[in-house]
Amino acid sequence: MNVTGPITDAERNGWQLRNAVALVDLLKAAHEADLPTISWRVTVTDLIGTCERPDAADARAVFGAWARHLHAETAEVPVGGAVRLRATREGYGPHAVRVVVLADVVGEPQTESVHFRFAY
């Protein structure tokens, strides 16, 4: 709820539009930096990129390139038979959107711990 009442669809649409504009800017920067292509989803709250590579080394390389480009905080979490890589950048660009990049890496040895680090 906001100060004047419940959040409206117009407000949500505005947030999603803001995120879509930020994605265009991000894709331009990614093109200039020659980053590998990943899939994107625009939500009301986030931009969510997904590295969809079947090879574990390739998935890690693509994920790492995006995490470094975004100066994102990263985490690795064991999930079933895979490791979920997550990079989060709060306040990206002039519209200060949250950008999340995900990759599920299959076929690597897993540990029980969760690792967090900054990818600068």
PDB file of N, CA and C in Angstrom:
ATOM      1  N   MET A   1       0.845  -1.175   0.000  1.00  0.00           N
ATOM      2  CA  MET A   1       0.000   0.000   0.000  1.00  0.00           C
ATOM      3  C   MET A   1       0.890   1.237   0.000  1.00  0.00           C
ATOM      4  N   ASN A   2       0.512   2.235  -0.797  1.00  0.00           N
ATOM      5  CA  ASN A   2       1.272   3.481  -0.784  1.00  0.00           C
ATOM      6  C   ASN A   2       0.590   4.488   0.135  1.00  0.00           C
ATOM      7  N   VAL A   3       1.083   5.707   0.179  1.00  0.00           N
ATOM      8  CA  VAL A   3       0.586   6.720   1.118  1.00  0.00           C
ATOM      9  C   VAL A   3      -0.883   7.056   0.874  1.00  0.00           C
ATOM     10  N   THR A   4      -1.296   7.027  -0.381  1.00  0.00           N
ATOM     11  CA  THR A   4      -2.666   7.447  -0.697  1.00  0.00           C
ATOM     12  C   THR A   4      -3.639   6.289  -0.866  1.00  0.00           C
ATOM     13  N   GLY A   5      -3.197   5.062  -0.720  1.00  0.00           N
ATOM     14  CA  GLY A   5      -4.092   3.918  -0.860  1.00  0.00           C
ATOM     15  C   GLY A   5      -3.369   2.733  -1.475  1.00  0.00           C
ATOM     16  N   PRO A   6      -4.132   1.746  -1.924  1.00  0.00           N
ATOM     17  CA  PRO A   6      -3.530   0.545  -2.514  1.00  0.00           C
ATOM     18  C   PRO A   6      -2.749   0.896  -3.789  1.00  0.00           C
ATOM     19  N   ILE A   7      -1.755   0.083  -4.089  1.00  0.00           N
ATOM     20  CA  ILE A   7      -0.992   0.251  -5.322  1.00  0.00           C
ATOM     21  C   ILE A   7      -1.903  -0.068  -6.496  1.00  0.00           C
ATOM     22  N   THR A   8      -1.869   0.775  -7.504  1.00  0.00           N
ATOM     23  CA  THR A   8      -2.761   0.615  -8.653  1.00  0.00           C
ATOM     24  C   THR A   8      -2.063  -0.112  -9.794  1.00  0.00           C
ATOM     25  N   ASP A   9      -2.874  -0.603 -10.742  1.00  0.00           N
ATOM     26  CA  ASP A   9      -2.299  -1.209 -11.943  1.00  0.00           C
ATOM     27  C   ASP A   9      -1.517  -0.182 -12.742  1.00  0.00           C
ATOM     28  N   ALA A  10      -1.956   1.065 -12.738  1.00  0.00           N
ATOM     29  CA  ALA A  10      -1.217   2.113 -13.452  1.00  0.00           C
ATOM     30  C   ALA A  10       0.187   2.269 -12.864  1.00  0.00           C
ATOM     31  N   GLU A  11       0.316   2.193 -11.542  1.00  0.00           N
ATOM     32  CA  GLU A  11       1.635   2.269 -10.910  1.00  0.00           C
ATOM     33  C   GLU A  11       2.487   1.063 -11.296  1.00  0.00           C
ATOM     34  N   ARG A  12       1.891  -0.117 -11.242  1.00  0.00           N
ATOM     35  CA  ARG A  12       2.629  -1.332 -11.621  1.00  0.00           C
ATOM     36  C   ARG A  12       3.063  -1.271 -13.084  1.00  0.00           C
ATOM     37  N   ASN A  13       2.169  -0.807 -13.956  1.00  0.00           N
ATOM     38  CA  ASN A  13       2.515  -0.671 -15.374  1.00  0.00           C
ATOM     39  C   ASN A  13       3.663   0.313 -15.561  1.00  0.00           C
ATOM     40  N   GLY A  14       3.661   1.381 -14.797  1.00  0.00           N
ATOM     41  CA  GLY A  14       4.751   2.360 -14.857  1.00  0.00           C
ATOM     42  C   GLY A  14       6.078   1.763 -14.434  1.00  0.00           C
ATOM     43  N   TRP A  15       6.061   0.962 -13.374  1.00  0.00           N
ATOM     44  CA  TRP A  15       7.286   0.314 -12.910  1.00  0.00           C
ATOM     45  C   TRP A  15       7.805  -0.662 -13.961  1.00  0.00           C
ATOM     46  N   GLN A  16       6.878  -1.410 -14.567  1.00  0.00           N
ATOM     47  CA  GLN A  16       7.295  -2.370 -15.584  1.00  0.00           C
ATOM     48  C   GLN A  16       7.851  -1.647 -16.811  1.00  0.00           C
ATOM     49  N   LEU A  17       7.240  -0.548 -17.197  1.00  0.00           N
ATOM     50  CA  LEU A  17       7.745   0.246 -18.311  1.00  0.00           C
ATOM     51  C   LEU A  17       9.139   0.783 -17.995  1.00  0.00           C
ATOM     52  N   ARG A  18       9.329   1.274 -16.778  1.00  0.00           N
ATOM     53  CA  ARG A  18      10.651   1.746 -16.344  1.00  0.00           C
ATOM     54  C   ARG A  18      11.684   0.634 -16.500  1.00  0.00           C
ATOM     55  N   ASN A  19      11.325  -0.579 -16.096  1.00  0.00           N
ATOM     56  CA  ASN A  19      12.250  -1.703 -16.199  1.00  0.00           C
ATOM     57  C   ASN A  19      12.522  -2.081 -17.649  1.00  0.00           C
ATOM     58  N   ALA A  20      11.507  -1.979 -18.512  1.00  0.00           N
ATOM     59  CA  ALA A  20      11.696  -2.274 -19.934  1.00  0.00           C
ATOM     60  C   ALA A  20      12.656  -1.266 -20.568  1.00  0.00           C
ATOM     61  N   VAL A  21      12.527   0.007 -20.213  1.00  0.00           N
ATOM     62  CA  VAL A  21      13.443   1.032 -20.710  1.00  0.00           C
ATOM     63  C   VAL A  21      14.857   0.743 -20.224  1.00  0.00           C
ATOM     64  N   ALA A  22      14.992   0.344 -18.974  1.00  0.00           N
ATOM     65  CA  ALA A  22      16.304   0.010 -18.424  1.00  0.00           C
ATOM     66  C   ALA A  22      16.906  -1.186 -19.155  1.00  0.00           C
ATOM     67  N   LEU A  23      16.068  -2.152 -19.560  1.00  0.00           N
ATOM     68  CA  LEU A  23      16.568  -3.310 -20.290  1.00  0.00           C
ATOM     69  C   LEU A  23      17.134  -2.885 -21.646  1.00  0.00           C
ATOM     70  N   VAL A  24      16.468  -1.965 -22.319  1.00  0.00           N
ATOM     71  CA  VAL A  24      16.991  -1.475 -23.600  1.00  0.00           C
ATOM     72  C   VAL A  24      18.379  -0.868 -23.392  1.00  0.00           C
ATOM     73  N   ASP A  25      18.530  -0.051 -22.369  1.00  0.00           N
ATOM     74  CA  ASP A  25      19.836   0.550 -22.072  1.00  0.00           C
ATOM     75  C   ASP A  25      20.868  -0.529 -21.741  1.00  0.00           C
ATOM     76  N   LEU A  26      20.469  -1.529 -20.957  1.00  0.00           N
ATOM     77  CA  LEU A  26      21.366  -2.610 -20.577  1.00  0.00           C
ATOM     78  C   LEU A  26      21.801  -3.415 -21.804  1.00  0.00           C
ATOM     79  N   LEU A  27      20.869  -3.689 -22.720  1.00  0.00           N
ATOM     80  CA  LEU A  27      21.208  -4.451 -23.919  1.00  0.00           C
ATOM     81  C   LEU A  27      22.150  -3.671 -24.830  1.00  0.00           C
ATOM     82  N   LYS A  28      21.985  -2.357 -24.898  1.00  0.00           N
ATOM     83  CA  LYS A  28      22.919  -1.529 -25.676  1.00  0.00           C
ATOM     84  C   LYS A  28      24.324  -1.626 -25.086  1.00  0.00           C
ATOM     85  N   ALA A  29      24.421  -1.513 -23.760  1.00  0.00           N
ATOM     86  CA  ALA A  29      25.724  -1.609 -23.092  1.00  0.00           C
ATOM     87  C   ALA A  29      26.316  -3.009 -23.279  1.00  0.00           C
ATOM     88  N   ALA A  30      25.479  -4.034 -23.219  1.00  0.00           N
ATOM     89  CA  ALA A  30      25.949  -5.410 -23.393  1.00  0.00           C
ATOM     90  C   ALA A  30      26.472  -5.625 -24.810  1.00  0.00           C
ATOM     91  N   HIS A  31      25.795  -5.044 -25.784  1.00  0.00           N
ATOM     92  CA  HIS A  31      26.240  -5.144 -27.172  1.00  0.00           C
ATOM     93  C   HIS A  31      27.609  -4.490 -27.341  1.00  0.00           C
ATOM     94  N   GLU A  32      27.764  -3.303 -26.768  1.00  0.00           N
ATOM     95  CA  GLU A  32      29.043  -2.591 -26.847  1.00  0.00           C
ATOM     96  C   GLU A  32      30.160  -3.350 -26.136  1.00  0.00           C
ATOM     97  N   ALA A  33      29.820  -4.060 -25.059  1.00  0.00           N
ATOM     98  CA  ALA A  33      30.806  -4.839 -24.307  1.00  0.00           C
ATOM     99  C   ALA A  33      31.003  -6.243 -24.884  1.00  0.00           C
ATOM    100  N   ASP A  34      30.260  -6.570 -25.949  1.00  0.00           N
ATOM    101  CA  ASP A  34      30.347  -7.875 -26.614  1.00  0.00           C
ATOM    102  C   ASP A  34      30.036  -9.028 -25.654  1.00  0.00           C
ATOM    103  N   LEU A  35      29.008  -8.828 -24.825  1.00  0.00           N
ATOM    104  CA  LEU A  35      28.592  -9.883 -23.898  1.00  0.00           C
ATOM    105  C   LEU A  35      27.786 -10.951 -24.629  1.00  0.00           C
ATOM    106  N   PRO A  36      27.824 -12.185 -24.145  1.00  0.00           N
ATOM    107  CA  PRO A  36      27.007 -13.241 -24.750  1.00  0.00           C
ATOM    108  C   PRO A  36      25.518 -12.972 -24.514  1.00  0.00           C
ATOM    109  N   THR A  37      24.706 -13.450 -25.415  1.00  0.00           N
ATOM    110  CA  THR A  37      23.261 -13.280 -25.330  1.00  0.00           C
ATOM    111  C   THR A  37      22.679 -14.168 -24.245  1.00  0.00           C
ATOM    112  N   ILE A  38      21.765 -13.598 -23.451  1.00  0.00           N
ATOM    113  CA  ILE A  38      20.990 -14.368 -22.480  1.00  0.00           C
ATOM    114  C   ILE A  38      19.520 -13.974 -22.637  1.00  0.00           C
ATOM    115  N   SER A  39      18.642 -14.773 -22.080  1.00  0.00           N
ATOM    116  CA  SER A  39      17.200 -14.491 -22.126  1.00  0.00           C
ATOM    117  C   SER A  39      16.836 -13.524 -21.016  1.00  0.00           C
ATOM    118  N   TRP A  40      15.842 -12.667 -21.272  1.00  0.00           N
ATOM    119  CA  TRP A  40      15.425 -11.667 -20.281  1.00  0.00           C
ATOM    120  C   TRP A  40      13.923 -11.715 -20.045  1.00  0.00           C
ATOM    121  N   ARG A  41      13.563 -11.438 -18.808  1.00  0.00           N
ATOM    122  CA  ARG A  41      12.154 -11.283 -18.415  1.00  0.00           C
ATOM    123  C   ARG A  41      12.038  -9.952 -17.686  1.00  0.00           C
ATOM    124  N   VAL A  42      11.054  -9.165 -18.081  1.00  0.00           N
ATOM    125  CA  VAL A  42      10.801  -7.874 -17.439  1.00  0.00           C
ATOM    126  C   VAL A  42       9.614  -8.050 -16.508  1.00  0.00           C
ATOM    127  N   THR A  43       9.822  -7.760 -15.217  1.00  0.00           N
ATOM    128  CA  THR A  43       8.733  -7.841 -14.256  1.00  0.00           C
ATOM    129  C   THR A  43       8.472  -6.457 -13.684  1.00  0.00           C
ATOM    130  N   VAL A  44       7.506  -6.373 -12.824  1.00  0.00           N
ATOM    131  CA  VAL A  44       7.188  -5.104 -12.165  1.00  0.00           C
ATOM    132  C   VAL A  44       8.338  -4.668 -11.257  1.00  0.00           C
ATOM    133  N   THR A  45       9.044  -5.630 -10.674  1.00  0.00           N
ATOM    134  CA  THR A  45      10.079  -5.305  -9.697  1.00  0.00           C
ATOM    135  C   THR A  45      11.505  -5.481 -10.202  1.00  0.00           C
ATOM    136  N   ASP A  46      11.740  -6.308 -11.203  1.00  0.00           N
ATOM    137  CA  ASP A  46      13.105  -6.686 -11.587  1.00  0.00           C
ATOM    138  C   ASP A  46      13.254  -6.862 -13.094  1.00  0.00           C
ATOM    139  N   LEU A  47      14.524  -6.882 -13.506  1.00  0.00           N
ATOM    140  CA  LEU A  47      14.928  -7.458 -14.785  1.00  0.00           C
ATOM    141  C   LEU A  47      15.594  -8.772 -14.439  1.00  0.00           C
ATOM    142  N   ILE A  48      15.167  -9.860 -15.058  1.00  0.00           N
ATOM    143  CA  ILE A  48      15.716 -11.172 -14.732  1.00  0.00           C
ATOM    144  C   ILE A  48      16.295 -11.791 -15.998  1.00  0.00           C
ATOM    145  N   GLY A  49      17.608 -11.979 -15.981  1.00  0.00           N
ATOM    146  CA  GLY A  49      18.287 -12.620 -17.095  1.00  0.00           C
ATOM    147  C   GLY A  49      18.608 -14.055 -16.750  1.00  0.00           C
ATOM    148  N   THR A  50      18.534 -14.930 -17.751  1.00  0.00           N
ATOM    149  CA  THR A  50      18.809 -16.344 -17.532  1.00  0.00           C
ATOM    150  C   THR A  50      19.839 -16.832 -18.547  1.00  0.00           C
ATOM    151  N   CYS A  51      20.924 -17.406 -18.032  1.00  0.00           N
ATOM    152  CA  CYS A  51      21.963 -18.007 -18.870  1.00  0.00           C
ATOM    153  C   CYS A  51      21.541 -19.452 -19.133  1.00  0.00           C
ATOM    154  N   GLU A  52      21.153 -19.740 -20.344  1.00  0.00           N
ATOM    155  CA  GLU A  52      20.664 -21.082 -20.673  1.00  0.00           C
ATOM    156  C   GLU A  52      21.706 -21.792 -21.531  1.00  0.00           C
ATOM    157  N   ARG A  53      22.664 -22.412 -20.865  1.00  0.00           N
ATOM    158  CA  ARG A  53      23.726 -23.132 -21.553  1.00  0.00           C
ATOM    159  C   ARG A  53      23.799 -24.539 -20.977  1.00  0.00           C
ATOM    160  N   PRO A  54      23.793 -25.571 -21.840  1.00  0.00           N
ATOM    161  CA  PRO A  54      23.840 -26.934 -21.315  1.00  0.00           C
ATOM    162  C   PRO A  54      25.200 -27.318 -20.744  1.00  0.00           C
ATOM    163  N   ASP A  55      26.266 -26.710 -21.219  1.00  0.00           N
ATOM    164  CA  ASP A  55      27.610 -27.023 -20.742  1.00  0.00           C
ATOM    165  C   ASP A  55      27.909 -26.208 -19.481  1.00  0.00           C
ATOM    166  N   ALA A  56      28.342 -26.887 -18.416  1.00  0.00           N
ATOM    167  CA  ALA A  56      28.573 -26.220 -17.129  1.00  0.00           C
ATOM    168  C   ALA A  56      29.630 -25.125 -17.236  1.00  0.00           C
ATOM    169  N   ALA A  57      30.718 -25.383 -17.926  1.00  0.00           N
ATOM    170  CA  ALA A  57      31.781 -24.379 -18.048  1.00  0.00           C
ATOM    171  C   ALA A  57      31.286 -23.169 -18.832  1.00  0.00           C
ATOM    172  N   ASP A  58      30.534 -23.399 -19.884  1.00  0.00           N
ATOM    173  CA  ASP A  58      29.995 -22.301 -20.682  1.00  0.00           C
ATOM    174  C   ASP A  58      28.999 -21.486 -19.869  1.00  0.00           C
ATOM    175  N   ALA A  59      28.142 -22.177 -19.109  1.00  0.00           N
ATOM    176  CA  ALA A  59      27.164 -21.475 -18.266  1.00  0.00           C
ATOM    177  C   ALA A  59      27.871 -20.588 -17.252  1.00  0.00           C
ATOM    178  N   ARG A  60      28.923 -21.114 -16.629  1.00  0.00           N
ATOM    179  CA  ARG A  60      29.684 -20.319 -15.658  1.00  0.00           C
ATOM    180  C   ARG A  60      30.373 -19.130 -16.327  1.00  0.00           C
ATOM    181  N   ALA A  61      30.899 -19.329 -17.529  1.00  0.00           N
ATOM    182  CA  ALA A  61      31.585 -18.247 -18.235  1.00  0.00           C
ATOM    183  C   ALA A  61      30.615 -17.127 -18.612  1.00  0.00           C
ATOM    184  N   VAL A  62      29.456 -17.494 -19.129  1.00  0.00           N
ATOM    185  CA  VAL A  62      28.448 -16.497 -19.508  1.00  0.00           C
ATOM    186  C   VAL A  62      27.952 -15.764 -18.266  1.00  0.00           C
ATOM    187  N   PHE A  63      27.637 -16.524 -17.228  1.00  0.00           N
ATOM    188  CA  PHE A  63      27.195 -15.922 -15.970  1.00  0.00           C
ATOM    189  C   PHE A  63      28.253 -14.958 -15.431  1.00  0.00           C
ATOM    190  N   GLY A  64      29.490 -15.395 -15.409  1.00  0.00           N
ATOM    191  CA  GLY A  64      30.573 -14.564 -14.893  1.00  0.00           C
ATOM    192  C   GLY A  64      30.745 -13.270 -15.673  1.00  0.00           C
ATOM    193  N   ALA A  65      30.629 -13.352 -16.993  1.00  0.00           N
ATOM    194  CA  ALA A  65      30.757 -12.154 -17.825  1.00  0.00           C
ATOM    195  C   ALA A  65      29.675 -11.134 -17.472  1.00  0.00           C
ATOM    196  N   TRP A  66      28.447 -11.599 -17.301  1.00  0.00           N
ATOM    197  CA  TRP A  66      27.348 -10.696 -16.948  1.00  0.00           C
ATOM    198  C   TRP A  66      27.506 -10.162 -15.530  1.00  0.00           C
ATOM    199  N   ALA A  67      27.911 -11.010 -14.594  1.00  0.00           N
ATOM    200  CA  ALA A  67      28.093 -10.564 -13.205  1.00  0.00           C
ATOM    201  C   ALA A  67      29.156  -9.479 -13.126  1.00  0.00           C
ATOM    202  N   ARG A  68      30.256  -9.669 -13.847  1.00  0.00           N
ATOM    203  CA  ARG A  68      31.321  -8.656 -13.855  1.00  0.00           C
ATOM    204  C   ARG A  68      30.836  -7.358 -14.506  1.00  0.00           C
ATOM    205  N   HIS A  69      30.134  -7.488 -15.602  1.00  0.00           N
ATOM    206  CA  HIS A  69      29.628  -6.300 -16.304  1.00  0.00           C
ATOM    207  C   HIS A  69      28.700  -5.483 -15.399  1.00  0.00           C
ATOM    208  N   LEU A  70      27.875  -6.176 -14.633  1.00  0.00           N
ATOM    209  CA  LEU A  70      26.905  -5.499 -13.763  1.00  0.00           C
ATOM    210  C   LEU A  70      27.512  -5.059 -12.428  1.00  0.00           C
ATOM    211  N   HIS A  71      28.740  -5.507 -12.128  1.00  0.00           N
ATOM    212  CA  HIS A  71      29.324  -5.279 -10.795  1.00  0.00           C
ATOM    213  C   HIS A  71      28.347  -5.797  -9.732  1.00  0.00           C
ATOM    214  N   ALA A  72      27.920  -7.038  -9.944  1.00  0.00           N
ATOM    215  CA  ALA A  72      26.860  -7.639  -9.136  1.00  0.00           C
ATOM    216  C   ALA A  72      27.417  -8.463  -7.988  1.00  0.00           C
ATOM    217  N   GLU A  73      26.614  -8.564  -6.940  1.00  0.00           N
ATOM    218  CA  GLU A  73      26.884  -9.500  -5.853  1.00  0.00           C
ATOM    219  C   GLU A  73      26.426 -10.869  -6.336  1.00  0.00           C
ATOM    220  N   THR A  74      27.253 -11.904  -6.103  1.00  0.00           N
ATOM    221  CA  THR A  74      26.897 -13.233  -6.594  1.00  0.00           C
ATOM    222  C   THR A  74      26.742 -14.226  -5.455  1.00  0.00           C
ATOM    223  N   ALA A  75      25.981 -15.270  -5.735  1.00  0.00           N
ATOM    224  CA  ALA A  75      25.784 -16.355  -4.780  1.00  0.00           C
ATOM    225  C   ALA A  75      25.679 -17.666  -5.546  1.00  0.00           C
ATOM    226  N   GLU A  76      26.115 -18.745  -4.900  1.00  0.00           N
ATOM    227  CA  GLU A  76      25.967 -20.099  -5.438  1.00  0.00           C
ATOM    228  C   GLU A  76      25.228 -20.933  -4.406  1.00  0.00           C
ATOM    229  N   VAL A  77      24.142 -21.576  -4.849  1.00  0.00           N
ATOM    230  CA  VAL A  77      23.318 -22.365  -3.938  1.00  0.00           C
ATOM    231  C   VAL A  77      23.052 -23.731  -4.567  1.00  0.00           C
ATOM    232  N   PRO A  78      23.383 -24.817  -3.861  1.00  0.00           N
ATOM    233  CA  PRO A  78      23.035 -26.136  -4.377  1.00  0.00           C
ATOM    234  C   PRO A  78      21.512 -26.306  -4.443  1.00  0.00           C
ATOM    235  N   VAL A  79      21.039 -26.794  -5.594  1.00  0.00           N
ATOM    236  CA  VAL A  79      19.607 -27.023  -5.787  1.00  0.00           C
ATOM    237  C   VAL A  79      19.459 -28.355  -6.506  1.00  0.00           C
ATOM    238  N   GLY A  80      18.985 -29.362  -5.783  1.00  0.00           N
ATOM    239  CA  GLY A  80      18.834 -30.671  -6.406  1.00  0.00           C
ATOM    240  C   GLY A  80      20.161 -31.162  -6.947  1.00  0.00           C
ATOM    241  N   GLY A  81      20.201 -31.486  -8.230  1.00  0.00           N
ATOM    242  CA  GLY A  81      21.428 -31.960  -8.859  1.00  0.00           C
ATOM    243  C   GLY A  81      22.195 -30.859  -9.551  1.00  0.00           C
ATOM    244  N   ALA A  82      21.932 -29.620  -9.206  1.00  0.00           N
ATOM    245  CA  ALA A  82      22.574 -28.489  -9.877  1.00  0.00           C
ATOM    246  C   ALA A  82      23.061 -27.469  -8.857  1.00  0.00           C
ATOM    247  N   VAL A  83      23.737 -26.464  -9.357  1.00  0.00           N
ATOM    248  CA  VAL A  83      24.119 -25.312  -8.557  1.00  0.00           C
ATOM    249  C   VAL A  83      23.450 -24.106  -9.191  1.00  0.00           C
ATOM    250  N   ARG A  84      22.685 -23.351  -8.414  1.00  0.00           N
ATOM    251  CA  ARG A  84      22.040 -22.128  -8.909  1.00  0.00           C
ATOM    252  C   ARG A  84      22.982 -20.967  -8.666  1.00  0.00           C
ATOM    253  N   LEU A  85      23.391 -20.320  -9.742  1.00  0.00           N
ATOM    254  CA  LEU A  85      24.193 -19.107  -9.665  1.00  0.00           C
ATOM    255  C   LEU A  85      23.256 -17.922  -9.754  1.00  0.00           C
ATOM    256  N   ARG A  86      23.467 -16.934  -8.885  1.00  0.00           N
ATOM    257  CA  ARG A  86      22.605 -15.754  -8.865  1.00  0.00           C
ATOM    258  C   ARG A  86      23.473 -14.515  -8.692  1.00  0.00           C
ATOM    259  N   ALA A  87      23.339 -13.589  -9.623  1.00  0.00           N
ATOM    260  CA  ALA A  87      24.013 -12.299  -9.540  1.00  0.00           C
ATOM    261  C   ALA A  87      22.936 -11.234  -9.376  1.00  0.00           C
ATOM    262  N   THR A  88      23.116 -10.351  -8.409  1.00  0.00           N
ATOM    263  CA  THR A  88      22.125  -9.303  -8.148  1.00  0.00           C
ATOM    264  C   THR A  88      22.810  -7.953  -8.137  1.00  0.00           C
ATOM    265  N   ARG A  89      22.253  -7.040  -8.905  1.00  0.00           N
ATOM    266  CA  ARG A  89      22.728  -5.655  -8.915  1.00  0.00           C
ATOM    267  C   ARG A  89      21.545  -4.767  -8.577  1.00  0.00           C
ATOM    268  N   GLU A  90      21.619  -4.128  -7.446  1.00  0.00           N
ATOM    269  CA  GLU A  90      20.598  -3.172  -7.024  1.00  0.00           C
ATOM    270  C   GLU A  90      20.917  -1.813  -7.637  1.00  0.00           C
ATOM    271  N   GLY A  91      19.914  -1.075  -8.025  1.00  0.00           N
ATOM    272  CA  GLY A  91      20.102   0.306  -8.457  1.00  0.00           C
ATOM    273  C   GLY A  91      20.844   0.464  -9.766  1.00  0.00           C
ATOM    274  N   TYR A  92      20.609  -0.410 -10.734  1.00  0.00           N
ATOM    275  CA  TYR A  92      21.302  -0.313 -12.014  1.00  0.00           C
ATOM    276  C   TYR A  92      20.733   0.836 -12.850  1.00  0.00           C
ATOM    277  N   GLY A  93      21.625   1.602 -13.416  1.00  0.00           N
ATOM    278  CA  GLY A  93      21.263   2.635 -14.380  1.00  0.00           C
ATOM    279  C   GLY A  93      20.534   3.822 -13.777  1.00  0.00           C
ATOM    280  N   PRO A  94      20.129   4.749 -14.657  1.00  0.00           N
ATOM    281  CA  PRO A  94      19.495   5.981 -14.184  1.00  0.00           C
ATOM    282  C   PRO A  94      18.135   5.756 -13.530  1.00  0.00           C
ATOM    283  N   HIS A  95      17.508   4.615 -13.823  1.00  0.00           N
ATOM    284  CA  HIS A  95      16.203   4.319 -13.221  1.00  0.00           C
ATOM    285  C   HIS A  95      16.327   3.465 -11.965  1.00  0.00           C
ATOM    286  N   ALA A  96      17.558   3.128 -11.595  1.00  0.00           N
ATOM    287  CA  ALA A  96      17.855   2.392 -10.365  1.00  0.00           C
ATOM    288  C   ALA A  96      17.037   1.110 -10.230  1.00  0.00           C
ATOM    289  N   VAL A  97      17.076   0.264 -11.260  1.00  0.00           N
ATOM    290  CA  VAL A  97      16.328  -0.990 -11.224  1.00  0.00           C
ATOM    291  C   VAL A  97      17.196  -2.115 -10.654  1.00  0.00           C
ATOM    292  N   ARG A  98      16.539  -3.162 -10.186  1.00  0.00           N
ATOM    293  CA  ARG A  98      17.251  -4.355  -9.723  1.00  0.00           C
ATOM    294  C   ARG A  98      17.387  -5.306 -10.914  1.00  0.00           C
ATOM    295  N   VAL A  99      18.624  -5.761 -11.150  1.00  0.00           N
ATOM    296  CA  VAL A  99      18.904  -6.715 -12.218  1.00  0.00           C
ATOM    297  C   VAL A  99      19.392  -8.004 -11.573  1.00  0.00           C
ATOM    298  N   VAL A 100      18.777  -9.107 -11.957  1.00  0.00           N
ATOM    299  CA  VAL A 100      19.151 -10.423 -11.450  1.00  0.00           C
ATOM    300  C   VAL A 100      19.516 -11.292 -12.649  1.00  0.00           C
ATOM    301  N   VAL A 101      20.659 -11.963 -12.576  1.00  0.00           N
ATOM    302  CA  VAL A 101      21.060 -12.917 -13.607  1.00  0.00           C
ATOM    303  C   VAL A 101      21.184 -14.279 -12.943  1.00  0.00           C
ATOM    304  N   LEU A 102      20.572 -15.283 -13.569  1.00  0.00           N
ATOM    305  CA  LEU A 102      20.543 -16.640 -13.022  1.00  0.00           C
ATOM    306  C   LEU A 102      21.178 -17.622 -13.997  1.00  0.00           C
ATOM    307  N   ALA A 103      21.763 -18.662 -13.443  1.00  0.00           N
ATOM    308  CA  ALA A 103      22.244 -19.794 -14.242  1.00  0.00           C
ATOM    309  C   ALA A 103      22.168 -21.037 -13.377  1.00  0.00           C
ATOM    310  N   ASP A 104      21.635 -22.104 -13.937  1.00  0.00           N
ATOM    311  CA  ASP A 104      21.650 -23.399 -13.269  1.00  0.00           C
ATOM    312  C   ASP A 104      22.750 -24.234 -13.907  1.00  0.00           C
ATOM    313  N   VAL A 105      23.739 -24.608 -13.108  1.00  0.00           N
ATOM    314  CA  VAL A 105      24.884 -25.362 -13.593  1.00  0.00           C
ATOM    315  C   VAL A 105      24.706 -26.811 -13.164  1.00  0.00           C
ATOM    316  N   VAL A 106      24.670 -27.702 -14.149  1.00  0.00           N
ATOM    317  CA  VAL A 106      24.454 -29.126 -13.891  1.00  0.00           C
ATOM    318  C   VAL A 106      25.739 -29.872 -14.220  1.00  0.00           C
ATOM    319  N   GLY A 107      26.045 -30.890 -13.413  1.00  0.00           N
ATOM    320  CA  GLY A 107      27.179 -31.750 -13.717  1.00  0.00           C
ATOM    321  C   GLY A 107      28.470 -31.373 -13.034  1.00  0.00           C
ATOM    322  N   GLU A 108      28.405 -30.555 -12.005  1.00  0.00           N
ATOM    323  CA  GLU A 108      29.589 -30.199 -11.228  1.00  0.00           C
ATOM    324  C   GLU A 108      29.444 -30.767  -9.825  1.00  0.00           C
ATOM    325  N   PRO A 109      30.572 -31.038  -9.162  1.00  0.00           N
ATOM    326  CA  PRO A 109      30.488 -31.446  -7.757  1.00  0.00           C
ATOM    327  C   PRO A 109      29.842 -30.336  -6.934  1.00  0.00           C
ATOM    328  N   GLN A 110      29.036 -30.735  -5.947  1.00  0.00           N
ATOM    329  CA  GLN A 110      28.342 -29.755  -5.122  1.00  0.00           C
ATOM    330  C   GLN A 110      28.873 -29.763  -3.703  1.00  0.00           C
ATOM    331  N   THR A 111      28.770 -28.618  -3.070  1.00  0.00           N
ATOM    332  CA  THR A 111      29.099 -28.498  -1.658  1.00  0.00           C
ATOM    333  C   THR A 111      27.835 -28.090  -0.926  1.00  0.00           C
ATOM    334  N   GLU A 112      27.865 -28.213   0.373  1.00  0.00           N
ATOM    335  CA  GLU A 112      26.696 -27.868   1.179  1.00  0.00           C
ATOM    336  C   GLU A 112      26.620 -26.385   1.502  1.00  0.00           C
ATOM    337  N   SER A 113      27.705 -25.652   1.277  1.00  0.00           N
ATOM    338  CA  SER A 113      27.726 -24.250   1.687  1.00  0.00           C
ATOM    339  C   SER A 113      27.185 -23.342   0.595  1.00  0.00           C
ATOM    340  N   VAL A 114      26.846 -22.154   1.004  1.00  0.00           N
ATOM    341  CA  VAL A 114      26.423 -21.105   0.092  1.00  0.00           C
ATOM    342  C   VAL A 114      27.553 -20.092   0.051  1.00  0.00           C
ATOM    343  N   HIS A 115      27.962 -19.703  -1.140  1.00  0.00           N
ATOM    344  CA  HIS A 115      29.074 -18.775  -1.304  1.00  0.00           C
ATOM    345  C   HIS A 115      28.555 -17.448  -1.829  1.00  0.00           C
ATOM    346  N   PHE A 116      28.956 -16.360  -1.212  1.00  0.00           N
ATOM    347  CA  PHE A 116      28.617 -15.027  -1.668  1.00  0.00           C
ATOM    348  C   PHE A 116      29.905 -14.290  -1.983  1.00  0.00           C
ATOM    349  N   ARG A 117      29.891 -13.515  -3.050  1.00  0.00           N
ATOM    350  CA  ARG A 117      31.053 -12.698  -3.362  1.00  0.00           C
ATOM    351  C   ARG A 117      30.621 -11.583  -4.312  1.00  0.00           C
ATOM    352  N   PHE A 118      31.469 -10.597  -4.440  1.00  0.00           N
ATOM    353  CA  PHE A 118      31.222  -9.516  -5.376  1.00  0.00           C
ATOM    354  C   PHE A 118      32.048  -9.797  -6.624  1.00  0.00           C
ATOM    355  N   ALA A 119      31.460  -9.612  -7.788  1.00  0.00           N
ATOM    356  CA  ALA A 119      32.131  -9.882  -9.054  1.00  0.00           C
ATOM    357  C   ALA A 119      32.519  -8.577  -9.720  1.00  0.00           C
ATOM    358  N   TYR A 120      33.631  -7.998  -9.277  1.00  0.00           N
ATOM    359  CA  TYR A 120      34.084  -6.731  -9.869  1.00  0.00           C
ATOM    360  C   TYR A 120      35.191  -6.961 -10.843  1.00  0.00           C
TER     361      TYR A 120
END
